[in-house]
Amino acid sequence: MSGGIDAWNGLVAEGAPESGMAYFSRASRAEELISLSWALEEGNRIFYERVSGDARTEEAAAVFRSLSVAEERHKETLRGLFARVTGKDVEPLPPEGMEPGVYLEGGSLVGETLHWAAGKAPEKILEFAVAMETNSLDRYIKMSRAVDDTRSSEVFITLSGEEKTHVERMATLLDRLRSRE
């Protein structure tokens, strides 16, 4: 429980890459919000996949692998929502200048964040990931309120619930790792 409370009280990783990007201020229509979310989910998927291979414990590696799979599921959910909103059964195109998999949900560059994470203890990476997933949770809650379509809103509410589960799982693991110190 303390990990969850830490997460909600603004727990952030020390020295992590800056994340002051505001791409969502440029997106106003539902399809733009969906497209941007899809690109950011791909960034998180890549990040989790890579750090799972470098994790120092099997427990941390397993959590990161499962998060990578969950991000792929989020992308599929968003792709389906995009098809319903636009009538096009294609992958959402991100905003100009923002390729899928380049940025994380918190706005950091995937490459810079992976460089930062190299050799870090699982606790530090988890602290960063908790902050990143909390940012995503907040974004999906805001998006659920920003779209006019009730079904789209429900999708974003579902995604926010899944992000909350991610935060809780990582916070639990973070508590276990800290208790071993």
N, C-alpha and C. Protein backbone atom coordinates (compact mmCIF):
# COMPACT_ATOMS: atom_id res chain seq x y z
N MET A 1 0.82 -1.20 0.00
CA MET A 1 0.00 0.00 0.00
C MET A 1 0.86 1.25 0.00
N SER A 2 2.00 1.22 0.69
CA SER A 2 2.81 2.44 0.74
C SER A 2 3.32 2.81 -0.64
N GLY A 3 3.61 1.82 -1.51
CA GLY A 3 4.05 2.12 -2.87
C GLY A 3 2.97 2.87 -3.63
N GLY A 4 1.72 2.43 -3.43
CA GLY A 4 0.61 3.10 -4.10
C GLY A 4 0.45 4.53 -3.59
N ILE A 5 0.57 4.69 -2.28
CA ILE A 5 0.47 6.03 -1.71
C ILE A 5 1.64 6.88 -2.19
N ASP A 6 2.86 6.31 -2.21
CA ASP A 6 4.01 7.04 -2.75
C ASP A 6 3.74 7.48 -4.17
N ALA A 7 3.17 6.59 -4.97
CA ALA A 7 2.91 6.89 -6.37
C ALA A 7 1.95 8.06 -6.51
N TRP A 8 0.94 8.09 -5.67
CA TRP A 8 -0.06 9.15 -5.78
C TRP A 8 0.43 10.46 -5.17
N ASN A 9 1.47 10.42 -4.37
CA ASN A 9 2.00 11.64 -3.77
C ASN A 9 3.17 12.20 -4.56
N GLY A 10 3.26 11.89 -5.84
CA GLY A 10 4.24 12.53 -6.70
C GLY A 10 5.61 11.91 -6.68
N LEU A 11 5.73 10.63 -6.39
CA LEU A 11 7.01 9.94 -6.44
C LEU A 11 7.62 10.10 -7.82
N VAL A 12 8.85 10.59 -7.90
CA VAL A 12 9.53 10.73 -9.18
C VAL A 12 10.94 10.17 -9.06
N ALA A 13 11.48 9.73 -10.17
CA ALA A 13 12.83 9.21 -10.18
C ALA A 13 13.83 10.34 -10.20
N GLU A 14 14.90 10.21 -9.46
CA GLU A 14 15.94 11.22 -9.45
C GLU A 14 16.77 11.12 -10.72
N GLY A 15 17.06 12.25 -11.33
CA GLY A 15 17.97 12.29 -12.47
C GLY A 15 17.41 11.75 -13.77
N ALA A 16 16.14 11.44 -13.83
CA ALA A 16 15.55 10.91 -15.06
C ALA A 16 15.46 12.02 -16.10
N PRO A 17 15.38 11.64 -17.37
CA PRO A 17 15.27 12.64 -18.43
C PRO A 17 14.07 13.56 -18.20
N GLU A 18 14.20 14.79 -18.66
CA GLU A 18 13.12 15.76 -18.53
C GLU A 18 11.96 15.36 -19.42
N SER A 19 10.77 15.74 -19.00
CA SER A 19 9.61 15.36 -19.80
C SER A 19 8.64 16.53 -19.93
N GLY A 20 9.13 17.67 -20.33
CA GLY A 20 8.28 18.86 -20.40
C GLY A 20 7.54 19.04 -21.70
N MET A 21 7.35 17.98 -22.47
CA MET A 21 6.69 18.12 -23.75
C MET A 21 5.18 18.22 -23.56
N ALA A 22 4.54 18.97 -24.43
CA ALA A 22 3.10 19.16 -24.30
C ALA A 22 2.40 18.87 -25.62
N TYR A 23 2.61 17.69 -26.16
CA TYR A 23 2.00 17.34 -27.43
C TYR A 23 0.48 17.34 -27.36
N PHE A 24 -0.07 17.02 -26.21
CA PHE A 24 -1.52 16.91 -26.13
C PHE A 24 -2.21 18.25 -26.28
N SER A 25 -1.51 19.35 -26.04
CA SER A 25 -2.14 20.65 -26.24
C SER A 25 -2.40 20.90 -27.72
N ARG A 26 -1.67 20.21 -28.62
CA ARG A 26 -1.89 20.35 -30.05
C ARG A 26 -3.03 19.48 -30.56
N ALA A 27 -3.39 18.46 -29.80
CA ALA A 27 -4.43 17.53 -30.23
C ALA A 27 -5.75 17.94 -29.61
N SER A 28 -6.76 18.07 -30.45
CA SER A 28 -8.05 18.46 -29.91
C SER A 28 -9.16 17.50 -30.30
N ARG A 29 -9.09 16.93 -31.47
CA ARG A 29 -10.11 16.00 -31.92
C ARG A 29 -9.80 14.61 -31.38
N ALA A 30 -10.85 13.78 -31.27
CA ALA A 30 -10.68 12.43 -30.72
C ALA A 30 -9.63 11.64 -31.48
N GLU A 31 -9.66 11.70 -32.82
CA GLU A 31 -8.68 10.92 -33.59
C GLU A 31 -7.25 11.39 -33.36
N GLU A 32 -7.06 12.68 -33.10
CA GLU A 32 -5.71 13.18 -32.78
C GLU A 32 -5.25 12.67 -31.42
N LEU A 33 -6.15 12.68 -30.45
CA LEU A 33 -5.82 12.18 -29.11
C LEU A 33 -5.48 10.69 -29.16
N ILE A 34 -6.25 9.96 -29.93
CA ILE A 34 -6.02 8.52 -30.07
C ILE A 34 -4.68 8.27 -30.75
N SER A 35 -4.40 9.00 -31.84
CA SER A 35 -3.15 8.82 -32.59
C SER A 35 -1.94 9.12 -31.72
N LEU A 36 -2.02 10.18 -30.98
CA LEU A 36 -0.90 10.54 -30.11
C LEU A 36 -0.71 9.50 -29.02
N SER A 37 -1.79 9.04 -28.43
CA SER A 37 -1.69 8.00 -27.40
C SER A 37 -1.08 6.73 -27.97
N TRP A 38 -1.48 6.36 -29.17
CA TRP A 38 -0.97 5.15 -29.82
C TRP A 38 0.55 5.24 -29.96
N ALA A 39 1.05 6.40 -30.43
CA ALA A 39 2.50 6.58 -30.61
C ALA A 39 3.24 6.50 -29.28
N LEU A 40 2.66 7.06 -28.23
CA LEU A 40 3.31 7.04 -26.91
C LEU A 40 3.28 5.65 -26.29
N GLU A 41 2.20 4.92 -26.51
CA GLU A 41 2.13 3.54 -26.02
C GLU A 41 3.24 2.70 -26.67
N GLU A 42 3.52 2.96 -27.94
CA GLU A 42 4.61 2.24 -28.62
C GLU A 42 5.95 2.57 -27.98
N GLY A 43 6.15 3.82 -27.60
CA GLY A 43 7.38 4.19 -26.91
C GLY A 43 7.53 3.45 -25.60
N ASN A 44 6.46 3.38 -24.83
CA ASN A 44 6.51 2.65 -23.57
C ASN A 44 6.76 1.17 -23.80
N ARG A 45 6.13 0.60 -24.83
CA ARG A 45 6.33 -0.82 -25.13
C ARG A 45 7.80 -1.11 -25.40
N ILE A 46 8.43 -0.28 -26.21
CA ILE A 46 9.85 -0.45 -26.52
C ILE A 46 10.69 -0.32 -25.25
N PHE A 47 10.40 0.69 -24.45
CA PHE A 47 11.15 0.91 -23.21
C PHE A 47 11.08 -0.31 -22.30
N TYR A 48 9.86 -0.80 -22.04
CA TYR A 48 9.70 -1.94 -21.15
C TYR A 48 10.35 -3.20 -21.72
N GLU A 49 10.24 -3.38 -23.00
CA GLU A 49 10.86 -4.55 -23.63
C GLU A 49 12.38 -4.52 -23.44
N ARG A 50 12.98 -3.36 -23.65
CA ARG A 50 14.43 -3.24 -23.53
C ARG A 50 14.90 -3.36 -22.09
N VAL A 51 14.22 -2.70 -21.14
CA VAL A 51 14.69 -2.78 -19.75
C VAL A 51 14.44 -4.16 -19.16
N SER A 52 13.46 -4.91 -19.71
CA SER A 52 13.25 -6.27 -19.20
C SER A 52 14.47 -7.13 -19.47
N GLY A 53 15.13 -6.90 -20.61
CA GLY A 53 16.32 -7.67 -20.94
C GLY A 53 17.53 -7.32 -20.09
N ASP A 54 17.51 -6.12 -19.51
CA ASP A 54 18.64 -5.67 -18.69
C ASP A 54 18.36 -5.77 -17.19
N ALA A 55 17.16 -6.20 -16.83
CA ALA A 55 16.78 -6.22 -15.41
C ALA A 55 17.70 -7.15 -14.61
N ARG A 56 18.01 -6.73 -13.39
CA ARG A 56 18.92 -7.49 -12.52
C ARG A 56 18.24 -8.65 -11.82
N THR A 57 16.92 -8.61 -11.72
CA THR A 57 16.20 -9.71 -11.08
C THR A 57 15.16 -10.25 -12.03
N GLU A 58 14.85 -11.53 -11.91
CA GLU A 58 13.82 -12.13 -12.76
C GLU A 58 12.46 -11.52 -12.45
N GLU A 59 12.24 -11.19 -11.19
CA GLU A 59 10.96 -10.58 -10.81
C GLU A 59 10.75 -9.26 -11.54
N ALA A 60 11.77 -8.40 -11.56
CA ALA A 60 11.67 -7.12 -12.28
C ALA A 60 11.53 -7.35 -13.77
N ALA A 61 12.31 -8.29 -14.33
CA ALA A 61 12.23 -8.59 -15.76
C ALA A 61 10.82 -9.04 -16.13
N ALA A 62 10.22 -9.88 -15.31
CA ALA A 62 8.87 -10.37 -15.59
C ALA A 62 7.85 -9.24 -15.57
N VAL A 63 7.99 -8.32 -14.61
CA VAL A 63 7.06 -7.18 -14.55
C VAL A 63 7.23 -6.32 -15.80
N PHE A 64 8.46 -6.03 -16.18
CA PHE A 64 8.69 -5.20 -17.36
C PHE A 64 8.20 -5.89 -18.64
N ARG A 65 8.40 -7.22 -18.75
CA ARG A 65 7.89 -7.95 -19.92
C ARG A 65 6.37 -7.87 -19.98
N SER A 66 5.73 -8.06 -18.84
CA SER A 66 4.26 -8.02 -18.84
C SER A 66 3.75 -6.62 -19.17
N LEU A 67 4.49 -5.59 -18.75
CA LEU A 67 4.10 -4.23 -19.09
C LEU A 67 4.27 -3.97 -20.59
N SER A 68 5.29 -4.54 -21.19
CA SER A 68 5.48 -4.42 -22.64
C SER A 68 4.29 -5.02 -23.38
N VAL A 69 3.86 -6.19 -22.94
CA VAL A 69 2.70 -6.85 -23.54
C VAL A 69 1.44 -6.01 -23.32
N ALA A 70 1.29 -5.44 -22.15
CA ALA A 70 0.12 -4.62 -21.84
C ALA A 70 0.09 -3.38 -22.73
N GLU A 71 1.25 -2.79 -23.00
CA GLU A 71 1.30 -1.61 -23.88
C GLU A 71 0.88 -1.99 -25.29
N GLU A 72 1.23 -3.19 -25.73
CA GLU A 72 0.80 -3.65 -27.05
C GLU A 72 -0.72 -3.81 -27.08
N ARG A 73 -1.29 -4.32 -26.00
CA ARG A 73 -2.75 -4.43 -25.92
C ARG A 73 -3.41 -3.05 -25.95
N HIS A 74 -2.79 -2.09 -25.27
CA HIS A 74 -3.33 -0.72 -25.30
C HIS A 74 -3.32 -0.18 -26.73
N LYS A 75 -2.25 -0.45 -27.45
CA LYS A 75 -2.17 0.01 -28.84
C LYS A 75 -3.31 -0.60 -29.66
N GLU A 76 -3.58 -1.89 -29.46
CA GLU A 76 -4.66 -2.54 -30.20
C GLU A 76 -6.02 -1.94 -29.83
N THR A 77 -6.21 -1.64 -28.55
CA THR A 77 -7.45 -0.99 -28.11
C THR A 77 -7.59 0.37 -28.79
N LEU A 78 -6.51 1.13 -28.82
CA LEU A 78 -6.54 2.44 -29.44
C LEU A 78 -6.74 2.35 -30.96
N ARG A 79 -6.15 1.33 -31.56
CA ARG A 79 -6.33 1.12 -33.01
C ARG A 79 -7.80 0.85 -33.32
N GLY A 80 -8.44 0.02 -32.53
CA GLY A 80 -9.86 -0.25 -32.70
C GLY A 80 -10.71 0.99 -32.51
N LEU A 81 -10.37 1.77 -31.50
CA LEU A 81 -11.10 3.01 -31.26
C LEU A 81 -10.90 3.98 -32.43
N PHE A 82 -9.67 4.06 -32.93
CA PHE A 82 -9.38 4.92 -34.07
C PHE A 82 -10.23 4.50 -35.28
N ALA A 83 -10.32 3.19 -35.53
CA ALA A 83 -11.11 2.69 -36.66
C ALA A 83 -12.58 3.07 -36.48
N ARG A 84 -13.08 2.95 -35.27
CA ARG A 84 -14.47 3.29 -35.03
C ARG A 84 -14.74 4.78 -35.21
N VAL A 85 -13.80 5.62 -34.71
CA VAL A 85 -13.99 7.07 -34.78
C VAL A 85 -13.82 7.59 -36.20
N THR A 86 -12.85 7.04 -36.93
CA THR A 86 -12.53 7.58 -38.27
C THR A 86 -13.14 6.78 -39.42
N GLY A 87 -13.53 5.54 -39.15
CA GLY A 87 -14.00 4.68 -40.24
C GLY A 87 -12.86 4.08 -41.04
N LYS A 88 -11.61 4.24 -40.57
CA LYS A 88 -10.43 3.71 -41.27
C LYS A 88 -9.78 2.63 -40.41
N ASP A 89 -9.65 1.44 -40.98
CA ASP A 89 -9.03 0.33 -40.25
C ASP A 89 -7.52 0.31 -40.52
N VAL A 90 -6.84 1.32 -40.02
CA VAL A 90 -5.39 1.47 -40.19
C VAL A 90 -4.78 1.89 -38.86
N GLU A 91 -3.45 1.77 -38.78
CA GLU A 91 -2.78 2.27 -37.58
C GLU A 91 -2.89 3.79 -37.55
N PRO A 92 -3.15 4.32 -36.38
CA PRO A 92 -3.22 5.78 -36.27
C PRO A 92 -1.89 6.43 -36.63
N LEU A 93 -1.94 7.54 -37.33
CA LEU A 93 -0.73 8.29 -37.66
C LEU A 93 -0.51 9.34 -36.60
N PRO A 94 0.69 9.37 -36.00
CA PRO A 94 0.95 10.36 -34.95
C PRO A 94 1.11 11.76 -35.55
N PRO A 95 1.10 12.77 -34.71
CA PRO A 95 1.29 14.14 -35.20
C PRO A 95 2.63 14.26 -35.94
N GLU A 96 2.68 15.20 -36.85
CA GLU A 96 3.91 15.45 -37.61
C GLU A 96 5.08 15.70 -36.66
N GLY A 97 6.21 15.06 -36.96
CA GLY A 97 7.41 15.23 -36.15
C GLY A 97 7.48 14.31 -34.95
N MET A 98 6.50 13.44 -34.82
CA MET A 98 6.50 12.53 -33.67
C MET A 98 6.27 11.11 -34.15
N GLU A 99 7.34 10.42 -34.41
CA GLU A 99 7.24 9.04 -34.89
C GLU A 99 6.88 8.11 -33.74
N PRO A 100 6.12 7.03 -34.04
CA PRO A 100 5.79 6.07 -32.99
C PRO A 100 7.05 5.45 -32.39
N GLY A 101 7.07 5.32 -31.09
CA GLY A 101 8.20 4.68 -30.43
C GLY A 101 9.37 5.58 -30.12
N VAL A 102 9.25 6.86 -30.40
CA VAL A 102 10.34 7.80 -30.13
C VAL A 102 10.20 8.42 -28.74
N TYR A 103 8.95 8.64 -28.33
CA TYR A 103 8.68 9.27 -27.04
C TYR A 103 7.93 8.32 -26.11
N LEU A 104 8.18 8.49 -24.82
CA LEU A 104 7.46 7.77 -23.78
C LEU A 104 6.22 8.56 -23.40
N GLU A 105 5.33 7.91 -22.65
CA GLU A 105 4.10 8.57 -22.24
C GLU A 105 4.34 9.82 -21.41
N GLY A 106 5.42 9.91 -20.71
CA GLY A 106 5.73 11.12 -19.94
C GLY A 106 6.35 12.22 -20.78
N GLY A 107 6.67 11.94 -22.05
CA GLY A 107 7.24 12.94 -22.94
C GLY A 107 8.73 12.81 -23.15
N SER A 108 9.40 11.93 -22.42
CA SER A 108 10.84 11.73 -22.58
C SER A 108 11.13 10.96 -23.85
N LEU A 109 12.30 11.15 -24.39
CA LEU A 109 12.74 10.38 -25.55
C LEU A 109 13.11 8.96 -25.10
N VAL A 110 12.67 7.97 -25.85
CA VAL A 110 12.95 6.57 -25.51
C VAL A 110 14.45 6.33 -25.43
N GLY A 111 15.20 6.76 -26.45
CA GLY A 111 16.64 6.52 -26.49
C GLY A 111 17.37 7.14 -25.30
N GLU A 112 17.03 8.38 -24.98
CA GLU A 112 17.68 9.04 -23.84
C GLU A 112 17.33 8.34 -22.53
N THR A 113 16.09 7.90 -22.41
CA THR A 113 15.66 7.25 -21.19
C THR A 113 16.31 5.88 -21.05
N LEU A 114 16.45 5.16 -22.14
CA LEU A 114 17.16 3.88 -22.09
C LEU A 114 18.61 4.08 -21.71
N HIS A 115 19.23 5.13 -22.23
CA HIS A 115 20.61 5.46 -21.87
C HIS A 115 20.69 5.76 -20.37
N TRP A 116 19.74 6.53 -19.87
CA TRP A 116 19.69 6.86 -18.45
C TRP A 116 19.53 5.59 -17.62
N ALA A 117 18.67 4.65 -18.08
CA ALA A 117 18.35 3.45 -17.32
C ALA A 117 19.48 2.42 -17.31
N ALA A 118 20.39 2.50 -18.27
CA ALA A 118 21.46 1.50 -18.38
C ALA A 118 22.26 1.41 -17.07
N GLY A 119 22.29 0.22 -16.51
CA GLY A 119 23.05 -0.01 -15.29
C GLY A 119 22.37 0.45 -14.01
N LYS A 120 21.19 1.04 -14.12
CA LYS A 120 20.48 1.50 -12.92
C LYS A 120 19.87 0.31 -12.20
N ALA A 121 19.73 0.46 -10.91
CA ALA A 121 19.05 -0.55 -10.09
C ALA A 121 17.58 -0.60 -10.50
N PRO A 122 16.96 -1.79 -10.40
CA PRO A 122 15.54 -1.90 -10.76
C PRO A 122 14.66 -0.88 -10.02
N GLU A 123 15.03 -0.56 -8.78
CA GLU A 123 14.24 0.39 -8.01
C GLU A 123 14.17 1.75 -8.70
N LYS A 124 15.29 2.22 -9.22
CA LYS A 124 15.32 3.53 -9.89
C LYS A 124 14.48 3.52 -11.16
N ILE A 125 14.58 2.43 -11.91
CA ILE A 125 13.79 2.32 -13.15
C ILE A 125 12.31 2.24 -12.80
N LEU A 126 11.98 1.48 -11.76
CA LEU A 126 10.59 1.39 -11.34
C LEU A 126 10.05 2.73 -10.85
N GLU A 127 10.86 3.48 -10.14
CA GLU A 127 10.43 4.82 -9.70
C GLU A 127 10.07 5.68 -10.90
N PHE A 128 10.93 5.66 -11.90
CA PHE A 128 10.67 6.41 -13.12
C PHE A 128 9.40 5.90 -13.80
N ALA A 129 9.27 4.57 -13.91
CA ALA A 129 8.12 3.97 -14.58
C ALA A 129 6.81 4.30 -13.85
N VAL A 130 6.84 4.31 -12.53
CA VAL A 130 5.64 4.67 -11.76
C VAL A 130 5.22 6.10 -12.11
N ALA A 131 6.18 7.01 -12.15
CA ALA A 131 5.87 8.40 -12.51
C ALA A 131 5.32 8.48 -13.93
N MET A 132 5.92 7.73 -14.84
CA MET A 132 5.49 7.75 -16.24
C MET A 132 4.08 7.19 -16.37
N GLU A 133 3.79 6.07 -15.73
CA GLU A 133 2.47 5.46 -15.82
C GLU A 133 1.42 6.33 -15.11
N THR A 134 1.81 7.01 -14.05
CA THR A 134 0.89 7.92 -13.38
C THR A 134 0.52 9.06 -14.31
N ASN A 135 1.50 9.54 -15.09
CA ASN A 135 1.25 10.57 -16.09
C ASN A 135 0.25 10.06 -17.12
N SER A 136 0.42 8.82 -17.54
CA SER A 136 -0.47 8.22 -18.52
C SER A 136 -1.87 8.05 -17.96
N LEU A 137 -1.96 7.62 -16.72
CA LEU A 137 -3.26 7.47 -16.05
C LEU A 137 -3.99 8.81 -16.06
N ASP A 138 -3.29 9.86 -15.69
CA ASP A 138 -3.87 11.20 -15.67
C ASP A 138 -4.33 11.61 -17.08
N ARG A 139 -3.51 11.32 -18.08
CA ARG A 139 -3.83 11.69 -19.46
C ARG A 139 -5.11 10.99 -19.91
N TYR A 140 -5.23 9.70 -19.63
CA TYR A 140 -6.43 8.99 -20.07
C TYR A 140 -7.68 9.48 -19.35
N ILE A 141 -7.55 9.85 -18.11
CA ILE A 141 -8.71 10.42 -17.39
C ILE A 141 -9.13 11.72 -18.07
N LYS A 142 -8.15 12.58 -18.38
CA LYS A 142 -8.47 13.84 -19.06
C LYS A 142 -9.06 13.60 -20.44
N MET A 143 -8.54 12.61 -21.16
CA MET A 143 -9.04 12.31 -22.49
C MET A 143 -10.47 11.77 -22.43
N SER A 144 -10.79 11.02 -21.39
CA SER A 144 -12.15 10.50 -21.26
C SER A 144 -13.14 11.64 -21.13
N ARG A 145 -12.69 12.75 -20.58
CA ARG A 145 -13.55 13.92 -20.43
C ARG A 145 -13.54 14.81 -21.66
N ALA A 146 -12.48 14.69 -22.49
CA ALA A 146 -12.31 15.59 -23.63
C ALA A 146 -13.07 15.14 -24.87
N VAL A 147 -13.40 13.86 -24.96
CA VAL A 147 -14.09 13.37 -26.16
C VAL A 147 -15.60 13.47 -25.98
N ASP A 148 -16.30 13.71 -27.07
CA ASP A 148 -17.75 13.88 -27.02
C ASP A 148 -18.50 12.55 -27.03
N ASP A 149 -17.89 11.54 -27.60
CA ASP A 149 -18.53 10.25 -27.79
C ASP A 149 -18.44 9.42 -26.51
N THR A 150 -19.57 8.94 -26.02
CA THR A 150 -19.62 8.16 -24.78
C THR A 150 -18.79 6.89 -24.89
N ARG A 151 -18.87 6.18 -26.02
CA ARG A 151 -18.11 4.94 -26.18
C ARG A 151 -16.61 5.22 -26.16
N SER A 152 -16.17 6.31 -26.77
CA SER A 152 -14.75 6.68 -26.74
C SER A 152 -14.33 7.00 -25.32
N SER A 153 -15.18 7.72 -24.62
CA SER A 153 -14.89 8.06 -23.23
C SER A 153 -14.72 6.79 -22.40
N GLU A 154 -15.58 5.81 -22.64
CA GLU A 154 -15.49 4.56 -21.90
C GLU A 154 -14.18 3.83 -22.19
N VAL A 155 -13.69 3.90 -23.43
CA VAL A 155 -12.40 3.28 -23.76
C VAL A 155 -11.28 3.94 -22.96
N PHE A 156 -11.29 5.26 -22.92
CA PHE A 156 -10.24 5.96 -22.17
C PHE A 156 -10.35 5.70 -20.67
N ILE A 157 -11.56 5.55 -20.16
CA ILE A 157 -11.73 5.20 -18.75
C ILE A 157 -11.15 3.80 -18.50
N THR A 158 -11.40 2.87 -19.41
CA THR A 158 -10.85 1.52 -19.28
C THR A 158 -9.32 1.57 -19.30
N LEU A 159 -8.75 2.33 -20.24
CA LEU A 159 -7.29 2.45 -20.31
C LEU A 159 -6.73 3.08 -19.04
N SER A 160 -7.43 4.06 -18.48
CA SER A 160 -6.94 4.67 -17.24
C SER A 160 -6.94 3.65 -16.11
N GLY A 161 -7.94 2.79 -16.08
CA GLY A 161 -7.97 1.74 -15.07
C GLY A 161 -6.80 0.78 -15.22
N GLU A 162 -6.46 0.44 -16.47
CA GLU A 162 -5.32 -0.44 -16.71
C GLU A 162 -4.01 0.24 -16.30
N GLU A 163 -3.90 1.53 -16.57
CA GLU A 163 -2.70 2.26 -16.16
C GLU A 163 -2.59 2.28 -14.64
N LYS A 164 -3.72 2.42 -13.96
CA LYS A 164 -3.71 2.40 -12.49
C LYS A 164 -3.20 1.05 -12.00
N THR A 165 -3.62 -0.03 -12.67
CA THR A 165 -3.15 -1.36 -12.31
C THR A 165 -1.64 -1.47 -12.51
N HIS A 166 -1.12 -0.89 -13.60
CA HIS A 166 0.32 -0.88 -13.83
C HIS A 166 1.04 -0.20 -12.67
N VAL A 167 0.54 0.97 -12.28
CA VAL A 167 1.17 1.71 -11.19
C VAL A 167 1.16 0.88 -9.91
N GLU A 168 0.05 0.25 -9.62
CA GLU A 168 -0.06 -0.55 -8.41
C GLU A 168 0.90 -1.73 -8.43
N ARG A 169 1.01 -2.42 -9.56
CA ARG A 169 1.92 -3.57 -9.67
C ARG A 169 3.37 -3.12 -9.48
N MET A 170 3.74 -2.03 -10.14
CA MET A 170 5.12 -1.56 -10.01
C MET A 170 5.41 -1.06 -8.61
N ALA A 171 4.44 -0.40 -8.00
CA ALA A 171 4.63 0.09 -6.64
C ALA A 171 4.80 -1.07 -5.66
N THR A 172 4.05 -2.14 -5.86
CA THR A 172 4.18 -3.33 -5.01
C THR A 172 5.57 -3.93 -5.15
N LEU A 173 6.04 -4.08 -6.38
CA LEU A 173 7.38 -4.61 -6.60
C LEU A 173 8.43 -3.66 -6.02
N LEU A 174 8.23 -2.38 -6.18
CA LEU A 174 9.17 -1.40 -5.63
C LEU A 174 9.24 -1.53 -4.12
N ASP A 175 8.11 -1.70 -3.47
CA ASP A 175 8.10 -1.91 -2.01
C ASP A 175 8.89 -3.16 -1.63
N ARG A 176 8.68 -4.26 -2.38
CA ARG A 176 9.40 -5.50 -2.07
C ARG A 176 10.90 -5.30 -2.25
N LEU A 177 11.31 -4.64 -3.33
CA LEU A 177 12.73 -4.44 -3.58
C LEU A 177 13.35 -3.54 -2.50
N ARG A 178 12.63 -2.54 -2.08
CA ARG A 178 13.14 -1.63 -1.05
C ARG A 178 13.24 -2.33 0.30
N SER A 179 12.33 -3.26 0.58
CA SER A 179 12.36 -3.93 1.87
C SER A 179 13.55 -4.89 1.98
N ARG A 180 14.12 -5.27 0.86
CA ARG A 180 15.31 -6.16 0.85
C ARG A 180 16.60 -5.40 1.09
N GLU A 181 16.55 -4.08 0.98
CA GLU A 181 17.78 -3.28 1.13
C GLU A 181 18.30 -3.29 2.53
